[in-house]
Amino acid sequence: MKYMLLLKADAASESGAVPDDEAINAMGVYNDELIAAGVLLGGEGLHSSADGARVSFDGDDRSVVDGPFAETKELLAGFWMIEVSSKEEAVEWAKRVPLSSGEVEVRQVFTVDEFNQDNEHVQKEIQWREENEARTA
């Protein structure tokens, strides 16, 4: 099962400052543990919302609002994508994130086999994934 561990933003991550060596080293050790366990699929830290934008949809209309965004509790500072056997295992990994404060949200990721297999676009995605796996193997 694939899960995303979503690292919630806080005032420090929204300040735009690059994490210090202590924080980078702690995250590096954690990432090494994920890799050694064979569960890490990917992960990245995100720049502050000041460098981002939001696109809102209302029917055919699109509007864009540039950051920064005021509500840090609604923002993300980074993520990990992991593959584990259960939600409980994903939560255990989330509990090991090296934070002294903050929040990590755990969310299961849909897999293509959960969708209608007769759908044309599902079939295209399956084909793309198979071709992509062949190229990276």
C-alpha atoms as a PDB file:
ATOM      1  CA  MET A   1       0.000   0.000   0.000  1.00  0.00           C
ATOM      2  CA  LYS A   2       1.277   3.434  -0.894  1.00  0.00           C
ATOM      3  CA  TYR A   3       1.045   6.251   1.611  1.00  0.00           C
ATOM      4  CA  MET A   4       2.091   9.870   1.587  1.00  0.00           C
ATOM      5  CA  LEU A   5       3.492  11.368   4.733  1.00  0.00           C
ATOM      6  CA  LEU A   6       2.631  15.048   4.410  1.00  0.00           C
ATOM      7  CA  LEU A   7       4.793  17.373   6.489  1.00  0.00           C
ATOM      8  CA  LYS A   8       2.707  20.357   7.523  1.00  0.00           C
ATOM      9  CA  ALA A   9       4.246  23.808   7.211  1.00  0.00           C
ATOM     10  CA  ASP A  10       4.991  26.050  10.170  1.00  0.00           C
ATOM     11  CA  ALA A  11       6.410  29.525  10.676  1.00  0.00           C
ATOM     12  CA  ALA A  12       9.976  28.235  10.230  1.00  0.00           C
ATOM     13  CA  SER A  13       9.287  26.456   6.931  1.00  0.00           C
ATOM     14  CA  GLU A  14       7.280  29.433   5.678  1.00  0.00           C
ATOM     15  CA  SER A  15      10.113  31.856   6.526  1.00  0.00           C
ATOM     16  CA  GLY A  16      11.902  30.772   3.362  1.00  0.00           C
ATOM     17  CA  ALA A  17      15.069  29.930   5.266  1.00  0.00           C
ATOM     18  CA  VAL A  18      16.934  26.772   4.274  1.00  0.00           C
ATOM     19  CA  PRO A  19      16.992  24.229   7.124  1.00  0.00           C
ATOM     20  CA  ASP A  20      20.212  24.214   9.138  1.00  0.00           C
ATOM     21  CA  ASP A  21      22.732  21.347   9.066  1.00  0.00           C
ATOM     22  CA  GLU A  22      21.298  19.776  12.235  1.00  0.00           C
ATOM     23  CA  ALA A  23      17.824  19.524  10.689  1.00  0.00           C
ATOM     24  CA  ILE A  24      19.218  18.305   7.343  1.00  0.00           C
ATOM     25  CA  ASN A  25      21.296  15.652   9.099  1.00  0.00           C
ATOM     26  CA  ALA A  26      18.316  14.448  11.172  1.00  0.00           C
ATOM     27  CA  MET A  27      16.158  14.188   8.032  1.00  0.00           C
ATOM     28  CA  GLY A  28      19.031  12.453   6.243  1.00  0.00           C
ATOM     29  CA  VAL A  29      19.259   9.797   8.954  1.00  0.00           C
ATOM     30  CA  TYR A  30      15.482   9.312   8.804  1.00  0.00           C
ATOM     31  CA  ASN A  31      15.589   9.017   4.994  1.00  0.00           C
ATOM     32  CA  ASP A  32      18.437   6.501   5.295  1.00  0.00           C
ATOM     33  CA  GLU A  33      16.228   4.419   7.614  1.00  0.00           C
ATOM     34  CA  LEU A  34      13.371   4.520   5.101  1.00  0.00           C
ATOM     35  CA  ILE A  35      15.762   3.461   2.323  1.00  0.00           C
ATOM     36  CA  ALA A  36      17.320   0.663   4.405  1.00  0.00           C
ATOM     37  CA  ALA A  37      13.825  -0.661   5.183  1.00  0.00           C
ATOM     38  CA  GLY A  38      13.008  -0.639   1.453  1.00  0.00           C
ATOM     39  CA  VAL A  39       9.890   1.497   1.883  1.00  0.00           C
ATOM     40  CA  LEU A  40      10.901   4.887   0.446  1.00  0.00           C
ATOM     41  CA  LEU A  41       9.538   5.650  -3.021  1.00  0.00           C
ATOM     42  CA  GLY A  42      10.313   9.364  -2.984  1.00  0.00           C
ATOM     43  CA  GLY A  43      10.180  12.553  -1.021  1.00  0.00           C
ATOM     44  CA  GLU A  44      11.009  16.222  -1.208  1.00  0.00           C
ATOM     45  CA  GLY A  45      10.966  19.384   0.819  1.00  0.00           C
ATOM     46  CA  LEU A  46       8.973  22.313  -0.534  1.00  0.00           C
ATOM     47  CA  HIS A  47       9.834  25.986  -0.784  1.00  0.00           C
ATOM     48  CA  SER A  48       7.606  28.345   1.176  1.00  0.00           C
ATOM     49  CA  SER A  49       4.218  29.348  -0.169  1.00  0.00           C
ATOM     50  CA  ALA A  50       5.690  32.760  -1.014  1.00  0.00           C
ATOM     51  CA  ASP A  51       7.202  31.045  -4.063  1.00  0.00           C
ATOM     52  CA  GLY A  52       3.946  29.307  -4.973  1.00  0.00           C
ATOM     53  CA  ALA A  53       0.493  29.988  -6.334  1.00  0.00           C
ATOM     54  CA  ARG A  54      -3.016  28.591  -6.024  1.00  0.00           C
ATOM     55  CA  VAL A  55      -5.260  27.942  -8.983  1.00  0.00           C
ATOM     56  CA  SER A  56      -8.978  28.007  -8.146  1.00  0.00           C
ATOM     57  CA  PHE A  57     -11.657  26.423 -10.323  1.00  0.00           C
ATOM     58  CA  ASP A  58     -15.222  27.645 -10.768  1.00  0.00           C
ATOM     59  CA  GLY A  59     -16.818  25.914 -13.736  1.00  0.00           C
ATOM     60  CA  ASP A  60     -14.766  26.963 -16.770  1.00  0.00           C
ATOM     61  CA  ASP A  61     -13.200  29.914 -14.920  1.00  0.00           C
ATOM     62  CA  ARG A  62      -9.705  29.718 -13.468  1.00  0.00           C
ATOM     63  CA  SER A  63      -8.181  32.228 -11.115  1.00  0.00           C
ATOM     64  CA  VAL A  64      -4.633  32.370  -9.804  1.00  0.00           C
ATOM     65  CA  VAL A  65      -3.523  33.762  -6.471  1.00  0.00           C
ATOM     66  CA  ASP A  66       0.193  34.108  -5.826  1.00  0.00           C
ATOM     67  CA  GLY A  67       1.598  33.250  -2.397  1.00  0.00           C
ATOM     68  CA  PRO A  68       2.371  33.702   0.358  1.00  0.00           C
ATOM     69  CA  PHE A  69      -0.665  32.233   2.040  1.00  0.00           C
ATOM     70  CA  ALA A  70      -1.606  33.234   5.575  1.00  0.00           C
ATOM     71  CA  GLU A  71      -2.895  29.967   7.062  1.00  0.00           C
ATOM     72  CA  THR A  72       0.221  27.854   7.650  1.00  0.00           C
ATOM     73  CA  LYS A  73      -1.908  25.022   9.093  1.00  0.00           C
ATOM     74  CA  GLU A  74      -3.234  24.424   5.550  1.00  0.00           C
ATOM     75  CA  LEU A  75       0.202  24.367   3.909  1.00  0.00           C
ATOM     76  CA  LEU A  76       2.739  21.638   3.248  1.00  0.00           C
ATOM     77  CA  ALA A  77       6.471  21.824   3.822  1.00  0.00           C
ATOM     78  CA  GLY A  78       7.348  18.473   2.270  1.00  0.00           C
ATOM     79  CA  PHE A  79       6.372  14.864   1.745  1.00  0.00           C
ATOM     80  CA  TRP A  80       7.528  11.279   1.620  1.00  0.00           C
ATOM     81  CA  MET A  81       5.939   8.585  -0.525  1.00  0.00           C
ATOM     82  CA  ILE A  82       6.316   5.170   1.073  1.00  0.00           C
ATOM     83  CA  GLU A  83       5.122   1.652   0.315  1.00  0.00           C
ATOM     84  CA  VAL A  84       4.228  -0.343   3.395  1.00  0.00           C
ATOM     85  CA  SER A  85       1.915  -3.185   4.358  1.00  0.00           C
ATOM     86  CA  SER A  86      -0.638  -1.199   6.380  1.00  0.00           C
ATOM     87  CA  LYS A  87      -1.845   2.164   7.636  1.00  0.00           C
ATOM     88  CA  GLU A  88      -0.445   1.231  11.037  1.00  0.00           C
ATOM     89  CA  GLU A  89       3.037   0.785   9.566  1.00  0.00           C
ATOM     90  CA  ALA A  90       2.741   4.126   7.767  1.00  0.00           C
ATOM     91  CA  VAL A  91       1.754   5.793  11.050  1.00  0.00           C
ATOM     92  CA  GLU A  92       4.736   4.201  12.786  1.00  0.00           C
ATOM     93  CA  TRP A  93       7.045   5.705  10.137  1.00  0.00           C
ATOM     94  CA  ALA A  94       5.328   9.079  10.532  1.00  0.00           C
ATOM     95  CA  LYS A  95       5.914   8.952  14.295  1.00  0.00           C
ATOM     96  CA  ARG A  96       9.657   8.597  13.613  1.00  0.00           C
ATOM     97  CA  VAL A  97       9.945  11.832  11.573  1.00  0.00           C
ATOM     98  CA  PRO A  98      12.579  13.905  13.401  1.00  0.00           C
ATOM     99  CA  LEU A  99      10.436  16.826  14.537  1.00  0.00           C
ATOM    100  CA  SER A 100      10.260  18.477  17.934  1.00  0.00           C
ATOM    101  CA  SER A 101       6.970  20.150  17.000  1.00  0.00           C
ATOM    102  CA  GLY A 102       4.611  20.169  14.057  1.00  0.00           C
ATOM    103  CA  GLU A 103       2.420  17.655  12.320  1.00  0.00           C
ATOM    104  CA  VAL A 104       2.668  14.901   9.715  1.00  0.00           C
ATOM    105  CA  GLU A 105      -0.511  13.764   7.968  1.00  0.00           C
ATOM    106  CA  VAL A 106      -0.707  10.148   6.740  1.00  0.00           C
ATOM    107  CA  ARG A 107      -2.787   9.552   3.595  1.00  0.00           C
ATOM    108  CA  GLN A 108      -3.231   6.412   1.499  1.00  0.00           C
ATOM    109  CA  VAL A 109      -2.613   6.852  -2.216  1.00  0.00           C
ATOM    110  CA  PHE A 110      -5.021   5.416  -4.766  1.00  0.00           C
ATOM    111  CA  THR A 111      -3.574   2.762  -7.038  1.00  0.00           C
ATOM    112  CA  VAL A 112      -4.657   2.317 -10.634  1.00  0.00           C
ATOM    113  CA  ASP A 113      -6.205  -1.074  -9.872  1.00  0.00           C
ATOM    114  CA  GLU A 114      -8.803   0.619  -7.648  1.00  0.00           C
ATOM    115  CA  PHE A 115     -10.409   2.341 -10.656  1.00  0.00           C
ATOM    116  CA  ASN A 116     -12.736   0.998 -13.353  1.00  0.00           C
ATOM    117  CA  GLN A 117     -10.398  -1.146 -15.468  1.00  0.00           C
ATOM    118  CA  ASP A 118     -12.610  -0.696 -18.545  1.00  0.00           C
ATOM    119  CA  ASN A 119     -12.076   3.077 -18.545  1.00  0.00           C
ATOM    120  CA  GLU A 120     -10.010   4.251 -21.541  1.00  0.00           C
ATOM    121  CA  HIS A 121      -7.868   6.584 -19.444  1.00  0.00           C
ATOM    122  CA  VAL A 122      -7.218   3.944 -16.807  1.00  0.00           C
ATOM    123  CA  GLN A 123      -6.003   1.652 -19.593  1.00  0.00           C
ATOM    124  CA  LYS A 124      -3.728   4.437 -20.900  1.00  0.00           C
ATOM    125  CA  GLU A 125      -2.271   4.946 -17.436  1.00  0.00           C
ATOM    126  CA  ILE A 126      -1.638   1.213 -17.038  1.00  0.00           C
ATOM    127  CA  GLN A 127       0.134   1.192 -20.393  1.00  0.00           C
ATOM    128  CA  TRP A 128       2.191   4.279 -19.486  1.00  0.00           C
ATOM    129  CA  ARG A 129       3.196   2.732 -16.156  1.00  0.00           C
ATOM    130  CA  GLU A 130       4.245  -0.519 -17.817  1.00  0.00           C
ATOM    131  CA  GLU A 131       6.305   1.352 -20.434  1.00  0.00           C
ATOM    132  CA  ASN A 132       7.846   3.600 -17.785  1.00  0.00           C
ATOM    133  CA  GLU A 133       8.787   0.626 -15.592  1.00  0.00           C
ATOM    134  CA  ALA A 134      10.418  -1.068 -18.608  1.00  0.00           C
ATOM    135  CA  ARG A 135      12.486   2.066 -19.318  1.00  0.00           C
ATOM    136  CA  THR A 136      13.691   2.434 -15.742  1.00  0.00           C
ATOM    137  CA  ALA A 137      14.393  -1.283 -15.171  1.00  0.00           C
END
